[in-house]
Amino acid sequence: FVGSDAKMPSDYVDMSFKSSRRAPDADAKDRIRADEDLVLNWWTSPKFAVAGVGAAALLLFLFVVVIGPPPSDGRCTLPWC
């Protein structure tokens, strides 16, 4: 590999040939991969994170403000008491 007329291993091999053969289940794998990408992109999107934080804040508001604290006289308000 010394000198200006040196040949590299890739000079001896035709790298332009691409095989057109595919595995029999390649289309099924491509569909599964596309489905996984769709779900993963939806699950990790910023919109989903904002919706999750909003849902958590709404649930906290529901528990604190709407339902309120337990009764102060010690009586049980649960159905099984």
PDB file of N, CA and C in Angstrom:
ATOM      1  N   PHE A   1       0.805  -1.193   0.000  1.00  0.00           N
ATOM      2  CA  PHE A   1       0.000   0.000   0.000  1.00  0.00           C
ATOM      3  C   PHE A   1       0.855   1.267   0.000  1.00  0.00           C
ATOM      4  N   VAL A   2       1.983   1.189  -0.585  1.00  0.00           N
ATOM      5  CA  VAL A   2       2.889   2.333  -0.594  1.00  0.00           C
ATOM      6  C   VAL A   2       3.013   2.844  -2.022  1.00  0.00           C
ATOM      7  N   GLY A   3       3.024   4.148  -2.165  1.00  0.00           N
ATOM      8  CA  GLY A   3       3.205   4.744  -3.486  1.00  0.00           C
ATOM      9  C   GLY A   3       1.890   5.201  -4.085  1.00  0.00           C
ATOM     10  N   SER A   4       1.996   5.968  -5.171  1.00  0.00           N
ATOM     11  CA  SER A   4       0.806   6.528  -5.793  1.00  0.00           C
ATOM     12  C   SER A   4       0.059   5.508  -6.646  1.00  0.00           C
ATOM     13  N   ASP A   5       0.718   4.425  -7.051  1.00  0.00           N
ATOM     14  CA  ASP A   5       0.055   3.417  -7.876  1.00  0.00           C
ATOM     15  C   ASP A   5      -0.425   2.225  -7.047  1.00  0.00           C
ATOM     16  N   ALA A   6      -0.461   2.379  -5.733  1.00  0.00           N
ATOM     17  CA  ALA A   6      -0.858   1.274  -4.861  1.00  0.00           C
ATOM     18  C   ALA A   6      -2.346   1.014  -5.006  1.00  0.00           C
ATOM     19  N   LYS A   7      -2.721  -0.254  -4.956  1.00  0.00           N
ATOM     20  CA  LYS A   7      -4.118  -0.662  -5.063  1.00  0.00           C
ATOM     21  C   LYS A   7      -4.636  -1.029  -3.677  1.00  0.00           C
ATOM     22  N   MET A   8      -5.866  -0.631  -3.437  1.00  0.00           N
ATOM     23  CA  MET A   8      -6.535  -0.978  -2.194  1.00  0.00           C
ATOM     24  C   MET A   8      -7.367  -2.234  -2.446  1.00  0.00           C
ATOM     25  N   PRO A   9      -7.715  -2.989  -1.388  1.00  0.00           N
ATOM     26  CA  PRO A   9      -8.530  -4.187  -1.586  1.00  0.00           C
ATOM     27  C   PRO A   9      -9.858  -3.897  -2.270  1.00  0.00           C
ATOM     28  N   SER A  10     -10.444  -2.728  -2.023  1.00  0.00           N
ATOM     29  CA  SER A  10     -11.722  -2.413  -2.654  1.00  0.00           C
ATOM     30  C   SER A  10     -11.576  -2.172  -4.158  1.00  0.00           C
ATOM     31  N   ASP A  11     -10.338  -1.939  -4.651  1.00  0.00           N
ATOM     32  CA  ASP A  11     -10.125  -1.778  -6.086  1.00  0.00           C
ATOM     33  C   ASP A  11     -10.293  -3.095  -6.830  1.00  0.00           C
ATOM     34  N   TYR A  12     -10.160  -4.205  -6.134  1.00  0.00           N
ATOM     35  CA  TYR A  12     -10.252  -5.507  -6.765  1.00  0.00           C
ATOM     36  C   TYR A  12     -11.657  -6.104  -6.703  1.00  0.00           C
ATOM     37  N   VAL A  13     -12.540  -5.487  -5.936  1.00  0.00           N
ATOM     38  CA  VAL A  13     -13.881  -6.027  -5.733  1.00  0.00           C
ATOM     39  C   VAL A  13     -14.902  -5.023  -6.261  1.00  0.00           C
ATOM     40  N   ASP A  14     -15.876  -5.546  -7.033  1.00  0.00           N
ATOM     41  CA  ASP A  14     -16.946  -4.684  -7.540  1.00  0.00           C
ATOM     42  C   ASP A  14     -17.962  -4.476  -6.421  1.00  0.00           C
ATOM     43  N   MET A  15     -18.000  -3.267  -5.869  1.00  0.00           N
ATOM     44  CA  MET A  15     -18.880  -2.966  -4.744  1.00  0.00           C
ATOM     45  C   MET A  15     -20.229  -2.415  -5.197  1.00  0.00           C
ATOM     46  N   SER A  16     -20.437  -2.242  -6.487  1.00  0.00           N
ATOM     47  CA  SER A  16     -21.674  -1.633  -6.967  1.00  0.00           C
ATOM     48  C   SER A  16     -22.824  -2.629  -7.049  1.00  0.00           C
ATOM     49  N   PHE A  17     -22.560  -3.913  -6.953  1.00  0.00           N
ATOM     50  CA  PHE A  17     -23.611  -4.920  -7.062  1.00  0.00           C
ATOM     51  C   PHE A  17     -24.403  -5.010  -5.764  1.00  0.00           C
ATOM     52  N   LYS A  18     -25.706  -4.942  -5.871  1.00  0.00           N
ATOM     53  CA  LYS A  18     -26.592  -5.110  -4.721  1.00  0.00           C
ATOM     54  C   LYS A  18     -27.480  -6.312  -4.984  1.00  0.00           C
ATOM     55  N   SER A  19     -27.600  -7.148  -4.020  1.00  0.00           N
ATOM     56  CA  SER A  19     -28.447  -8.332  -4.164  1.00  0.00           C
ATOM     57  C   SER A  19     -29.911  -7.932  -4.044  1.00  0.00           C
ATOM     58  N   SER A  20     -30.738  -8.498  -4.882  1.00  0.00           N
ATOM     59  CA  SER A  20     -32.176  -8.218  -4.831  1.00  0.00           C
ATOM     60  C   SER A  20     -32.920  -9.285  -4.036  1.00  0.00           C
ATOM     61  N   ARG A  21     -32.193 -10.229  -3.488  1.00  0.00           N
ATOM     62  CA  ARG A  21     -32.835 -11.286  -2.703  1.00  0.00           C
ATOM     63  C   ARG A  21     -33.229 -10.747  -1.347  1.00  0.00           C
ATOM     64  N   ARG A  22     -34.397 -11.145  -0.904  1.00  0.00           N
ATOM     65  CA  ARG A  22     -34.879 -10.753   0.424  1.00  0.00           C
ATOM     66  C   ARG A  22     -35.350 -11.997   1.151  1.00  0.00           C
ATOM     67  N   ALA A  23     -35.331 -11.911   2.440  1.00  0.00           N
ATOM     68  CA  ALA A  23     -35.829 -13.026   3.242  1.00  0.00           C
ATOM     69  C   ALA A  23     -37.333 -13.164   3.015  1.00  0.00           C
ATOM     70  N   PRO A  24     -37.871 -14.375   3.125  1.00  0.00           N
ATOM     71  CA  PRO A  24     -39.304 -14.567   2.881  1.00  0.00           C
ATOM     72  C   PRO A  24     -40.189 -13.759   3.825  1.00  0.00           C
ATOM     73  N   ASP A  25     -39.735 -13.517   5.025  1.00  0.00           N
ATOM     74  CA  ASP A  25     -40.552 -12.786   5.990  1.00  0.00           C
ATOM     75  C   ASP A  25     -40.126 -11.324   6.128  1.00  0.00           C
ATOM     76  N   ALA A  26     -39.418 -10.800   5.157  1.00  0.00           N
ATOM     77  CA  ALA A  26     -38.920  -9.418   5.240  1.00  0.00           C
ATOM     78  C   ALA A  26     -40.061  -8.412   5.267  1.00  0.00           C
ATOM     79  N   ASP A  27     -41.110  -8.650   4.494  1.00  0.00           N
ATOM     80  CA  ASP A  27     -42.242  -7.714   4.494  1.00  0.00           C
ATOM     81  C   ASP A  27     -42.940  -7.695   5.846  1.00  0.00           C
ATOM     82  N   ALA A  28     -43.092  -8.861   6.454  1.00  0.00           N
ATOM     83  CA  ALA A  28     -43.723  -8.929   7.778  1.00  0.00           C
ATOM     84  C   ALA A  28     -42.860  -8.208   8.809  1.00  0.00           C
ATOM     85  N   LYS A  29     -41.553  -8.383   8.720  1.00  0.00           N
ATOM     86  CA  LYS A  29     -40.652  -7.692   9.648  1.00  0.00           C
ATOM     87  C   LYS A  29     -40.723  -6.185   9.454  1.00  0.00           C
ATOM     88  N   ASP A  30     -40.821  -5.742   8.190  1.00  0.00           N
ATOM     89  CA  ASP A  30     -40.941  -4.306   7.928  1.00  0.00           C
ATOM     90  C   ASP A  30     -42.232  -3.740   8.507  1.00  0.00           C
ATOM     91  N   ARG A  31     -43.340  -4.484   8.403  1.00  0.00           N
ATOM     92  CA  ARG A  31     -44.613  -4.026   8.973  1.00  0.00           C
ATOM     93  C   ARG A  31     -44.534  -3.956  10.495  1.00  0.00           C
ATOM     94  N   ILE A  32     -43.936  -4.958  11.114  1.00  0.00           N
ATOM     95  CA  ILE A  32     -43.790  -4.969  12.571  1.00  0.00           C
ATOM     96  C   ILE A  32     -42.913  -3.800  13.013  1.00  0.00           C
ATOM     97  N   ARG A  33     -41.823  -3.567  12.300  1.00  0.00           N
ATOM     98  CA  ARG A  33     -40.928  -2.461  12.639  1.00  0.00           C
ATOM     99  C   ARG A  33     -41.650  -1.119  12.498  1.00  0.00           C
ATOM    100  N   ALA A  34     -42.474  -0.976  11.468  1.00  0.00           N
ATOM    101  CA  ALA A  34     -43.230   0.270  11.282  1.00  0.00           C
ATOM    102  C   ALA A  34     -44.245   0.457  12.411  1.00  0.00           C
ATOM    103  N   ASP A  35     -44.915  -0.633  12.819  1.00  0.00           N
ATOM    104  CA  ASP A  35     -45.864  -0.547  13.934  1.00  0.00           C
ATOM    105  C   ASP A  35     -45.156  -0.171  15.236  1.00  0.00           C
ATOM    106  N   GLU A  36     -44.001  -0.775  15.476  1.00  0.00           N
ATOM    107  CA  GLU A  36     -43.244  -0.454  16.686  1.00  0.00           C
ATOM    108  C   GLU A  36     -42.805   1.013  16.682  1.00  0.00           C
ATOM    109  N   ASP A  37     -42.358   1.496  15.527  1.00  0.00           N
ATOM    110  CA  ASP A  37     -41.953   2.897  15.432  1.00  0.00           C
ATOM    111  C   ASP A  37     -43.126   3.829  15.693  1.00  0.00           C
ATOM    112  N   LEU A  38     -44.302   3.485  15.180  1.00  0.00           N
ATOM    113  CA  LEU A  38     -45.484   4.314  15.381  1.00  0.00           C
ATOM    114  C   LEU A  38     -45.828   4.415  16.865  1.00  0.00           C
ATOM    115  N   VAL A  39     -45.855   3.275  17.556  1.00  0.00           N
ATOM    116  CA  VAL A  39     -46.198   3.267  18.985  1.00  0.00           C
ATOM    117  C   VAL A  39     -45.119   3.958  19.805  1.00  0.00           C
ATOM    118  N   LEU A  40     -43.865   3.687  19.495  1.00  0.00           N
ATOM    119  CA  LEU A  40     -42.773   4.308  20.249  1.00  0.00           C
ATOM    120  C   LEU A  40     -42.756   5.817  20.053  1.00  0.00           C
ATOM    121  N   ASN A  41     -42.978   6.271  18.824  1.00  0.00           N
ATOM    122  CA  ASN A  41     -43.001   7.714  18.572  1.00  0.00           C
ATOM    123  C   ASN A  41     -44.168   8.376  19.281  1.00  0.00           C
ATOM    124  N   TRP A  42     -45.308   7.705  19.350  1.00  0.00           N
ATOM    125  CA  TRP A  42     -46.469   8.254  20.050  1.00  0.00           C
ATOM    126  C   TRP A  42     -46.202   8.305  21.545  1.00  0.00           C
ATOM    127  N   TRP A  43     -45.657   7.231  22.098  1.00  0.00           N
ATOM    128  CA  TRP A  43     -45.432   7.117  23.538  1.00  0.00           C
ATOM    129  C   TRP A  43     -44.385   8.106  24.033  1.00  0.00           C
ATOM    130  N   THR A  44     -43.387   8.405  23.219  1.00  0.00           N
ATOM    131  CA  THR A  44     -42.294   9.282  23.653  1.00  0.00           C
ATOM    132  C   THR A  44     -42.444  10.706  23.137  1.00  0.00           C
ATOM    133  N   SER A  45     -43.571  11.046  22.584  1.00  0.00           N
ATOM    134  CA  SER A  45     -43.755  12.393  22.038  1.00  0.00           C
ATOM    135  C   SER A  45     -43.969  13.406  23.165  1.00  0.00           C
ATOM    136  N   PRO A  46     -43.603  14.653  22.935  1.00  0.00           N
ATOM    137  CA  PRO A  46     -43.845  15.702  23.945  1.00  0.00           C
ATOM    138  C   PRO A  46     -45.331  15.913  24.232  1.00  0.00           C
ATOM    139  N   LYS A  47     -46.164  15.726  23.236  1.00  0.00           N
ATOM    140  CA  LYS A  47     -47.611  15.892  23.444  1.00  0.00           C
ATOM    141  C   LYS A  47     -48.124  14.884  24.462  1.00  0.00           C
ATOM    142  N   PHE A  48     -47.626  13.646  24.395  1.00  0.00           N
ATOM    143  CA  PHE A  48     -48.057  12.620  25.334  1.00  0.00           C
ATOM    144  C   PHE A  48     -47.591  12.960  26.750  1.00  0.00           C
ATOM    145  N   ALA A  49     -46.375  13.485  26.879  1.00  0.00           N
ATOM    146  CA  ALA A  49     -45.858  13.873  28.198  1.00  0.00           C
ATOM    147  C   ALA A  49     -46.682  15.019  28.786  1.00  0.00           C
ATOM    148  N   VAL A  50     -47.028  15.992  27.959  1.00  0.00           N
ATOM    149  CA  VAL A  50     -47.837  17.114  28.434  1.00  0.00           C
ATOM    150  C   VAL A  50     -49.222  16.627  28.847  1.00  0.00           C
ATOM    151  N   ALA A  51     -49.789  15.707  28.066  1.00  0.00           N
ATOM    152  CA  ALA A  51     -51.102  15.157  28.411  1.00  0.00           C
ATOM    153  C   ALA A  51     -51.035  14.373  29.726  1.00  0.00           C
ATOM    154  N   GLY A  52     -49.954  13.638  29.948  1.00  0.00           N
ATOM    155  CA  GLY A  52     -49.795  12.896  31.194  1.00  0.00           C
ATOM    156  C   GLY A  52     -49.673  13.809  32.405  1.00  0.00           C
ATOM    157  N   VAL A  53     -48.916  14.883  32.270  1.00  0.00           N
ATOM    158  CA  VAL A  53     -48.785  15.840  33.369  1.00  0.00           C
ATOM    159  C   VAL A  53     -50.121  16.520  33.625  1.00  0.00           C
ATOM    160  N   GLY A  54     -50.845  16.840  32.553  1.00  0.00           N
ATOM    161  CA  GLY A  54     -52.170  17.443  32.706  1.00  0.00           C
ATOM    162  C   GLY A  54     -53.142  16.516  33.401  1.00  0.00           C
ATOM    163  N   ALA A  55     -53.112  15.242  33.044  1.00  0.00           N
ATOM    164  CA  ALA A  55     -53.997  14.259  33.676  1.00  0.00           C
ATOM    165  C   ALA A  55     -53.651  14.100  35.157  1.00  0.00           C
ATOM    166  N   ALA A  56     -52.370  14.088  35.485  1.00  0.00           N
ATOM    167  CA  ALA A  56     -51.960  13.975  36.886  1.00  0.00           C
ATOM    168  C   ALA A  56     -52.400  15.207  37.684  1.00  0.00           C
ATOM    169  N   ALA A  57     -52.267  16.386  37.090  1.00  0.00           N
ATOM    170  CA  ALA A  57     -52.706  17.614  37.774  1.00  0.00           C
ATOM    171  C   ALA A  57     -54.217  17.619  37.964  1.00  0.00           C
ATOM    172  N   LEU A  58     -54.956  17.163  36.960  1.00  0.00           N
ATOM    173  CA  LEU A  58     -56.407  17.097  37.070  1.00  0.00           C
ATOM    174  C   LEU A  58     -56.828  16.112  38.158  1.00  0.00           C
ATOM    175  N   LEU A  59     -56.174  14.987  38.240  1.00  0.00           N
ATOM    176  CA  LEU A  59     -56.482  14.001  39.272  1.00  0.00           C
ATOM    177  C   LEU A  59     -56.153  14.547  40.663  1.00  0.00           C
ATOM    178  N   LEU A  60     -55.051  15.232  40.796  1.00  0.00           N
ATOM    179  CA  LEU A  60     -54.700  15.851  42.069  1.00  0.00           C
ATOM    180  C   LEU A  60     -55.739  16.900  42.461  1.00  0.00           C
ATOM    181  N   PHE A  61     -56.158  17.716  41.513  1.00  0.00           N
ATOM    182  CA  PHE A  61     -57.205  18.706  41.771  1.00  0.00           C
ATOM    183  C   PHE A  61     -58.490  18.021  42.208  1.00  0.00           C
ATOM    184  N   LEU A  62     -58.840  16.934  41.538  1.00  0.00           N
ATOM    185  CA  LEU A  62     -60.050  16.193  41.891  1.00  0.00           C
ATOM    186  C   LEU A  62     -59.981  15.677  43.323  1.00  0.00           C
ATOM    187  N   PHE A  63     -58.876  15.095  43.709  1.00  0.00           N
ATOM    188  CA  PHE A  63     -58.749  14.539  45.057  1.00  0.00           C
ATOM    189  C   PHE A  63     -58.719  15.632  46.130  1.00  0.00           C
ATOM    190  N   VAL A  64     -58.007  16.699  45.878  1.00  0.00           N
ATOM    191  CA  VAL A  64     -57.819  17.719  46.910  1.00  0.00           C
ATOM    192  C   VAL A  64     -59.019  18.641  47.026  1.00  0.00           C
ATOM    193  N   VAL A  65     -59.512  19.151  45.931  1.00  0.00           N
ATOM    194  CA  VAL A  65     -60.547  20.179  45.977  1.00  0.00           C
ATOM    195  C   VAL A  65     -61.952  19.589  45.960  1.00  0.00           C
ATOM    196  N   VAL A  66     -62.234  18.694  45.037  1.00  0.00           N
ATOM    197  CA  VAL A  66     -63.593  18.195  44.876  1.00  0.00           C
ATOM    198  C   VAL A  66     -63.952  17.205  45.979  1.00  0.00           C
ATOM    199  N   ILE A  67     -63.107  16.218  46.211  1.00  0.00           N
ATOM    200  CA  ILE A  67     -63.416  15.205  47.226  1.00  0.00           C
ATOM    201  C   ILE A  67     -63.204  15.780  48.618  1.00  0.00           C
ATOM    202  N   GLY A  68     -62.123  16.510  48.797  1.00  0.00           N
ATOM    203  CA  GLY A  68     -61.870  17.170  50.073  1.00  0.00           C
ATOM    204  C   GLY A  68     -61.198  16.261  51.082  1.00  0.00           C
ATOM    205  N   PRO A  69     -60.919  16.806  52.257  1.00  0.00           N
ATOM    206  CA  PRO A  69     -60.249  16.036  53.303  1.00  0.00           C
ATOM    207  C   PRO A  69     -61.227  15.058  53.958  1.00  0.00           C
ATOM    208  N   PRO A  70     -60.720  14.118  54.753  1.00  0.00           N
ATOM    209  CA  PRO A  70     -61.606  13.194  55.459  1.00  0.00           C
ATOM    210  C   PRO A  70     -62.421  13.934  56.522  1.00  0.00           C
ATOM    211  N   PRO A  71     -63.510  13.359  56.971  1.00  0.00           N
ATOM    212  CA  PRO A  71     -64.314  14.026  58.004  1.00  0.00           C
ATOM    213  C   PRO A  71     -63.509  14.222  59.284  1.00  0.00           C
ATOM    214  N   SER A  72     -63.755  15.325  59.962  1.00  0.00           N
ATOM    215  CA  SER A  72     -62.972  15.643  61.159  1.00  0.00           C
ATOM    216  C   SER A  72     -63.480  14.957  62.416  1.00  0.00           C
ATOM    217  N   ASP A  73     -64.694  14.368  62.365  1.00  0.00           N
ATOM    218  CA  ASP A  73     -65.230  13.741  63.579  1.00  0.00           C
ATOM    219  C   ASP A  73     -64.850  12.268  63.730  1.00  0.00           C
ATOM    220  N   GLY A  74     -64.018  11.727  62.827  1.00  0.00           N
ATOM    221  CA  GLY A  74     -63.536  10.364  62.973  1.00  0.00           C
ATOM    222  C   GLY A  74     -64.449   9.301  62.421  1.00  0.00           C
ATOM    223  N   ARG A  75     -65.581   9.640  61.891  1.00  0.00           N
ATOM    224  CA  ARG A  75     -66.468   8.612  61.338  1.00  0.00           C
ATOM    225  C   ARG A  75     -65.921   8.124  60.006  1.00  0.00           C
ATOM    226  N   CYS A  76     -66.188   6.892  59.705  1.00  0.00           N
ATOM    227  CA  CYS A  76     -65.720   6.294  58.479  1.00  0.00           C
ATOM    228  C   CYS A  76     -66.773   6.475  57.399  1.00  0.00           C
ATOM    229  N   THR A  77     -66.352   6.962  56.238  1.00  0.00           N
ATOM    230  CA  THR A  77     -67.295   7.162  55.138  1.00  0.00           C
ATOM    231  C   THR A  77     -67.134   6.139  54.037  1.00  0.00           C
ATOM    232  N   LEU A  78     -66.279   5.148  54.266  1.00  0.00           N
ATOM    233  CA  LEU A  78     -66.063   4.118  53.247  1.00  0.00           C
ATOM    234  C   LEU A  78     -67.219   3.119  53.248  1.00  0.00           C
ATOM    235  N   PRO A  79     -67.507   2.521  52.091  1.00  0.00           N
ATOM    236  CA  PRO A  79     -68.648   1.607  52.010  1.00  0.00           C
ATOM    237  C   PRO A  79     -68.548   0.380  52.912  1.00  0.00           C
ATOM    238  N   TRP A  80     -67.361  -0.086  53.225  1.00  0.00           N
ATOM    239  CA  TRP A  80     -67.230  -1.307  54.021  1.00  0.00           C
ATOM    240  C   TRP A  80     -67.113  -1.050  55.514  1.00  0.00           C
ATOM    241  N   CYS A  81     -67.218   0.171  55.949  1.00  0.00           N
ATOM    242  CA  CYS A  81     -67.142   0.481  57.385  1.00  0.00           C
ATOM    243  C   CYS A  81     -68.496   0.325  58.046  1.00  0.00           C
TER     244      CYS A  81
END
